[in-house]
Protein backbone atom coordinates (compact mmCIF):
# COMPACT_ATOMS: atom_id res chain seq x y z
CA MET A 1 0.00 0.00 0.00
CA GLU A 2 1.32 3.44 -0.95
CA GLY A 3 -0.28 4.91 2.14
CA TYR A 4 -0.76 8.42 3.39
CA GLU A 5 0.54 11.81 2.35
CA LYS A 6 -0.52 13.55 5.57
CA LEU A 7 -3.26 14.58 7.94
CA GLY A 8 -4.79 17.14 5.60
CA TYR A 9 -7.44 19.01 7.54
CA MET A 10 -9.59 19.09 10.64
CA ALA A 11 -13.25 20.08 10.56
CA LEU A 12 -14.22 21.62 13.90
CA ASN A 13 -17.67 22.34 15.27
CA VAL A 14 -17.88 25.72 17.01
CA ALA A 15 -20.60 27.83 18.62
CA ASP A 16 -19.83 31.03 16.68
CA VAL A 17 -18.01 30.66 13.34
CA GLY A 18 -17.06 34.35 13.11
CA ARG A 19 -15.62 34.46 16.63
CA SER A 20 -13.63 31.26 16.10
CA CYS A 21 -12.38 32.38 12.69
CA ASP A 22 -11.07 35.59 14.26
CA PHE A 23 -9.33 33.58 17.01
CA TYR A 24 -7.65 31.13 14.64
CA GLU A 25 -6.44 34.02 12.49
CA ARG A 26 -5.34 36.53 15.14
CA GLN A 27 -4.16 34.26 17.94
CA VAL A 28 -3.19 30.96 16.29
CA GLY A 29 -1.80 32.44 13.06
CA LEU A 30 -3.85 30.74 10.35
CA GLN A 31 -4.92 32.53 7.19
CA ALA A 32 -8.55 32.77 6.11
CA SER A 33 -9.12 31.15 2.72
CA GLY A 34 -12.78 31.88 2.19
CA ASP A 35 -16.21 30.86 3.39
CA ALA A 36 -19.22 29.24 1.77
CA GLU A 37 -22.55 27.86 2.94
CA GLY A 38 -21.81 28.89 6.52
CA VAL A 39 -18.41 27.15 6.63
CA ALA A 40 -15.21 29.14 7.22
CA PHE A 41 -11.93 27.84 5.80
CA LEU A 42 -8.44 28.59 7.11
CA ARG A 43 -5.03 27.35 6.06
CA CYS A 44 -1.41 27.09 7.17
CA SER A 45 -0.11 25.79 3.82
CA GLU A 46 -0.85 26.00 0.11
CA ASP A 47 -3.83 23.66 0.51
CA HIS A 48 -7.33 25.04 -0.01
CA HIS A 49 -7.76 24.67 3.75
CA ASN A 50 -6.34 22.89 6.78
CA ILE A 51 -9.13 23.86 9.18
CA SER A 52 -12.83 24.23 8.49
CA LEU A 53 -15.21 25.74 11.05
CA HIS A 54 -18.85 24.68 11.26
CA ALA A 55 -21.64 26.10 13.44
CA ALA A 56 -22.95 23.54 15.94
CA ASP A 57 -24.47 23.30 19.41
CA LYS A 58 -21.69 21.03 20.70
CA PRO A 59 -18.12 22.23 20.02
CA GLY A 60 -15.64 19.57 19.01
CA LEU A 61 -14.68 17.31 16.13
CA LYS A 62 -16.83 17.14 13.01
CA ARG A 63 -14.34 15.03 11.06
CA ALA A 64 -10.66 14.51 10.26
CA GLY A 65 -9.43 14.46 6.67
CA PHE A 66 -6.44 12.42 5.46
CA GLU A 67 -4.75 12.92 2.11
CA MET A 68 -3.59 9.69 0.45
CA LYS A 69 -0.45 9.32 -1.65
CA SER A 70 -2.41 8.62 -4.82
CA ALA A 71 -5.73 7.53 -6.31
CA LYS A 72 -4.39 3.97 -6.16
CA ALA A 73 -3.76 4.29 -2.42
CA LEU A 74 -7.31 5.61 -1.99
CA ASP A 75 -8.74 2.64 -3.88
CA GLU A 76 -6.66 0.16 -1.88
CA LEU A 77 -7.87 1.61 1.40
CA ALA A 78 -11.51 1.63 0.25
CA ALA A 79 -11.27 -2.03 -0.73
CA ARG A 80 -9.66 -3.02 2.58
CA LEU A 81 -12.32 -1.16 4.58
CA ALA A 82 -15.14 -2.73 2.58
CA GLY A 83 -13.55 -6.13 3.17
CA GLU A 84 -13.75 -5.47 6.91
CA GLY A 85 -17.45 -4.63 6.64
CA ILE A 86 -16.95 -0.88 7.08
CA ALA A 87 -19.41 1.30 5.15
CA VAL A 88 -17.50 3.44 2.65
CA VAL A 89 -19.48 6.62 2.04
CA GLU A 90 -18.85 8.68 -1.07
CA VAL A 91 -18.56 12.43 -0.57
CA PRO A 92 -21.07 14.04 -2.97
CA VAL A 93 -19.67 15.97 -5.94
CA ALA A 94 -21.11 19.31 -4.76
CA GLU A 95 -19.52 18.94 -1.34
CA ARG A 96 -16.18 17.89 -2.81
CA LYS A 97 -16.25 21.06 -4.91
CA LEU A 98 -16.95 23.15 -1.81
CA LEU A 99 -14.06 21.50 0.03
CA GLY A 100 -11.66 21.60 -2.90
CA LEU A 101 -11.29 17.83 -2.96
CA GLY A 102 -10.72 15.27 -5.67
CA ARG A 103 -12.13 11.80 -5.10
CA ALA A 104 -13.07 11.29 -1.48
CA PHE A 105 -14.94 8.99 0.87
CA ARG A 106 -15.79 8.88 4.57
CA ILE A 107 -16.15 6.22 7.20
CA THR A 108 -17.32 6.08 10.77
CA GLU A 109 -14.40 4.78 12.82
CA PRO A 110 -16.17 1.91 14.60
CA HIS A 111 -14.64 2.28 18.06
CA THR A 112 -14.79 6.06 18.50
CA GLY A 113 -17.69 7.08 16.26
CA ALA A 114 -15.43 9.71 14.68
CA THR A 115 -15.84 10.53 11.01
CA TYR A 116 -12.68 10.04 8.97
CA GLU A 117 -12.40 11.29 5.41
CA PHE A 118 -9.86 10.07 2.86
CA TYR A 119 -9.12 11.82 -0.42
CA ASP A 120 -6.61 11.63 -3.26
CA HIS A 121 -5.85 15.36 -3.52
CA MET A 122 -6.95 18.81 -2.43
CA ARG A 123 -7.01 21.89 -4.63
CA GLN A 124 -4.05 24.18 -4.03
CA TRP A 125 -4.50 27.84 -3.15
CA GLY A 126 -4.19 29.93 -6.30
CA GLY A 127 -3.63 33.31 -4.67
CA GLN A 128 -1.00 34.66 -2.32
CA PRO A 129 1.18 31.96 -0.70
CA PHE A 130 0.58 31.32 3.00
CA GLN A 131 2.23 34.10 4.98
CA PRO A 132 3.02 33.37 8.66
CA THR A 133 1.89 36.12 11.01
CA VAL A 134 1.88 35.72 14.79
CA ALA A 135 3.49 32.25 14.56
CA LYS A 136 5.61 30.54 11.93
CA ILE A 137 3.32 27.54 11.53
CA GLN A 138 4.99 24.66 9.70
CA ARG A 139 1.96 22.43 9.25
CA LEU A 140 -1.18 20.95 10.75
CA GLY A 141 0.47 18.30 12.89
CA HIS A 142 -1.89 15.83 14.54
CA PHE A 143 -4.93 15.25 16.68
CA VAL A 144 -5.55 13.05 19.70
CA LEU A 145 -8.80 11.36 20.68
CA LYS A 146 -9.81 10.21 24.14
CA VAL A 147 -11.22 6.71 23.62
CA ALA A 148 -13.25 4.35 25.77
CA ALA A 149 -12.62 1.28 23.57
CA PHE A 150 -8.87 1.88 23.62
CA GLU A 151 -7.40 -1.47 22.57
CA ALA A 152 -9.96 -2.07 19.82
CA ALA A 153 -9.48 1.43 18.41
CA CYS A 154 -5.69 1.01 18.38
CA ARG A 155 -5.99 -2.29 16.50
CA PHE A 156 -8.34 -0.80 13.91
CA HIS A 157 -6.03 2.14 13.24
CA THR A 158 -3.03 -0.13 12.71
CA ASP A 159 -4.48 -3.33 11.24
CA VAL A 160 -7.11 -1.77 8.98
CA LEU A 161 -6.16 1.87 8.38
CA GLY A 162 -2.47 1.03 8.11
CA PHE A 163 -1.05 3.52 10.61
CA ARG A 164 2.26 2.62 12.27
CA VAL A 165 2.80 2.75 16.01
CA SER A 166 5.71 5.01 16.97
CA ASP A 167 5.47 4.77 20.76
CA GLU A 168 3.07 3.76 23.50
CA ILE A 169 2.62 4.84 27.07
CA ASP A 170 1.77 1.45 28.46
CA GLY A 171 -1.97 0.83 28.40
CA THR A 172 -2.89 4.52 28.23
CA ILE A 173 -1.73 6.30 25.04
CA CYS A 174 -0.80 5.12 21.54
CA PHE A 175 1.05 7.45 19.14
CA MET A 176 0.72 6.54 15.45
CA ARG A 177 2.15 7.98 12.26
CA CYS A 178 0.35 8.13 8.92
CA HIS A 179 2.88 5.89 7.16
CA PRO A 180 4.91 6.69 5.10
CA ASN A 181 4.59 10.27 6.44
CA PRO A 182 7.69 10.53 8.65
CA TYR A 183 6.38 12.52 11.61
CA HIS A 184 6.18 10.71 14.95
CA HIS A 185 2.41 10.91 15.14
CA GLY A 186 -0.45 12.19 13.06
CA VAL A 187 -3.01 10.51 15.31
CA GLY A 188 -2.96 9.68 18.99
CA LEU A 189 -5.41 7.65 21.05
CA GLY A 190 -5.73 7.91 24.81
CA ARG A 191 -7.64 5.64 27.18
CA ALA A 192 -10.60 7.42 28.78
CA ASN A 193 -14.10 6.84 30.11
CA GLU A 194 -15.66 8.67 27.16
CA THR A 195 -14.75 9.47 23.59
CA LEU A 196 -13.74 13.10 23.09
CA LEU A 197 -11.39 15.21 20.98
CA HIS A 198 -8.37 15.71 23.24
CA HIS A 199 -6.60 18.33 21.12
CA VAL A 200 -5.58 19.48 17.67
CA ASN A 201 -1.94 20.39 17.00
CA PHE A 202 -0.03 22.86 14.86
CA MET A 203 3.72 22.44 14.44
CA VAL A 204 5.77 25.66 14.53
CA THR A 205 9.21 26.26 13.05
CA GLU A 206 10.85 28.14 15.95
CA VAL A 207 10.89 27.66 19.71
CA ASP A 208 10.39 31.44 19.89
CA ASP A 209 6.89 30.89 18.49
CA ILE A 210 6.03 29.18 21.77
CA GLY A 211 7.67 31.89 23.87
CA ARG A 212 5.91 34.69 22.01
CA ALA A 213 2.59 32.88 22.27
CA ILE A 214 2.80 32.88 26.07
CA SER A 215 2.99 36.69 26.07
CA ARG A 216 0.39 37.08 23.30
CA PHE A 217 -2.10 34.81 25.03
CA ALA A 218 -1.67 36.61 28.35
CA LYS A 219 -2.54 39.94 26.72
CA ALA A 220 -5.54 38.45 24.90
CA GLN A 221 -6.70 36.41 27.93
CA VAL A 222 -6.36 33.13 26.05
CA PRO A 223 -6.17 30.36 28.69
CA ILE A 224 -2.93 28.34 28.69
CA VAL A 225 -3.79 24.92 30.11
CA ASN A 226 -0.48 23.02 29.91
CA GLY A 227 3.12 23.99 29.38
CA PRO A 228 5.49 25.00 28.21
CA GLY A 229 6.84 21.49 28.48
CA ARG A 230 8.53 18.71 26.53
CA HIS A 231 7.09 15.35 25.41
CA PRO A 232 9.48 12.38 25.85
CA PRO A 233 7.89 10.21 23.11
CA SER A 234 8.24 12.71 20.23
CA GLY A 235 10.82 15.06 21.70
CA SER A 236 8.51 18.01 20.99
CA MET A 237 8.31 21.18 23.07
CA PHE A 238 4.66 22.05 23.63
CA LEU A 239 2.15 24.63 24.73
CA TYR A 240 -1.56 23.85 25.09
CA TYR A 241 -4.25 26.53 25.13
CA LEU A 242 -8.01 26.89 24.69
CA ASP A 243 -9.97 28.29 21.78
CA PRO A 244 -13.13 30.36 22.45
CA ASP A 245 -15.26 27.22 22.89
CA GLY A 246 -12.78 25.52 25.20
CA ILE A 247 -11.38 23.14 22.55
CA THR A 248 -7.75 22.39 23.36
CA VAL A 249 -5.15 23.47 20.78
CA GLU A 250 -1.42 22.73 20.87
CA TYR A 251 1.66 24.40 19.45
CA SER A 252 4.65 22.08 19.22
CA PHE A 253 8.23 22.63 18.16
CA GLY A 254 10.36 19.75 16.91
CA MET A 255 9.33 16.15 16.34
CA GLU A 256 11.10 12.89 15.66
CA GLU A 257 10.96 11.76 12.02
CA PHE A 258 11.02 8.14 10.89
CA PRO A 259 12.55 6.70 7.71
CA VAL A 260 10.29 4.65 5.44
CA GLU A 261 12.59 1.64 5.82
CA GLY A 262 14.60 0.63 8.86
CA ALA A 263 12.58 2.62 11.41
CA ARG A 264 13.26 1.91 15.07
CA LYS A 265 10.85 -0.30 17.00
CA PRO A 266 8.07 1.34 19.01
CA ARG A 267 8.92 2.00 22.62
CA VAL A 268 6.62 1.19 25.55
CA MET A 269 6.97 3.81 28.28
CA GLU A 270 5.86 3.72 31.88
CA PRO A 271 2.36 5.13 32.55
CA ILE A 272 3.64 8.00 34.69
CA LYS A 273 3.53 11.78 34.28
CA ALA A 274 7.23 11.94 33.39
CA SER A 275 6.47 9.91 30.24
CA ILE A 276 4.26 12.77 29.04
CA ASP A 277 6.32 15.76 30.14
CA TYR A 278 10.02 15.97 31.00
CA TRP A 279 9.50 19.35 32.63
CA ASP A 280 6.56 18.55 34.94
CA SER A 281 4.87 21.70 33.69
CA PHE A 282 1.69 23.47 34.76
CA LEU A 283 -1.53 21.55 34.03
CA ASP A 284 -4.98 23.15 34.13
CA PRO A 285 -7.93 20.77 34.68
CA ARG A 286 -9.79 22.39 31.76
CA LYS A 287 -7.40 20.76 29.30
CA ALA A 288 -9.14 18.30 26.95
CA THR A 289 -12.59 18.63 28.53
CA VAL A 290 -14.42 20.09 25.50
CA GLY A 291 -14.50 18.20 22.21
CA ALA A 292 -17.71 16.34 21.36
CA VAL A 293 -17.26 13.86 18.51
CA GLU A 294 -19.98 14.26 15.88
CA ARG A 295 -21.27 11.07 14.31
CA MET A 296 -21.93 10.89 10.58
CA SER A 297 -25.59 10.91 9.61
CA PRO A 298 -26.90 7.35 9.16
CA THR A 299 -29.01 8.54 6.21
CA THR A 300 -25.91 9.18 4.09
CA LYS A 301 -25.74 6.75 1.16
CA ALA A 302 -22.99 4.13 1.48
CA THR A 303 -21.07 2.94 -1.54
CA GLU A 304 -18.48 0.29 -2.18
CA ALA A 305 -15.88 2.78 -3.42
CA ALA A 306 -15.11 6.46 -3.75
CA ALA A 307 -15.46 6.51 -7.54
CA GLU A 308 -18.03 8.83 -9.06
């Protein structure tokens, strides 16, 4: 299997699209790339968008979108999912046009209820290249879900979706990369009593981006809920903060990269705080408490493949 290009975008449900769009532009450093049919699009790359904002009563995760290496990789994944009895749901042409997508399909991840979307390409931005503002954002990095059915969800992500485990914190957290994408993790799963979006991450190019954010957030009264600190599994420096709805967002600087061939074996770390943070940094109890996972409508037509 050719596999994944990257985690392409996150669709977030928010209470007030205008308020959240202003926050992600002015405080996070994304660039608005248009709006249509009540959806606001923002980017941190040359993609049409890397974040979409949708009005909803319950803030959290609407869906996560993954870009595949090729149309062949998309077809291979669709066939494997169908073989496992997973409904493969074609994204309608009109919606693909709105989202700037080529061929695309969605599934309901069976152990979290989260909607995952897979596509072969996204339209590139035809105007001004992405210009960093308050932070030099390198890319949309990853997301983490809190999961009740932890072991089953981990198996599905590796055995069916084809993600590779980079590290585990024994029995509590699994960090997986979107192979052959080299970054330590594009998806993380954490054991919990309920399923919830834990956080969404943006990777920054300078450690000063984290330092400046601390001052910027203090002036703007943006709650910092964890950090600055350093994650032992990935080696990343981090800072977690809350968006206007209380969704947890992370800046990270630095991350281990894996070769396609000859990668080291996954490590299993002790389930202690020091395995999460070398620095034993400040932790606010509001971290990762808002993030409802929206389930895909059961009335959506299922198909056997993503072809039109």
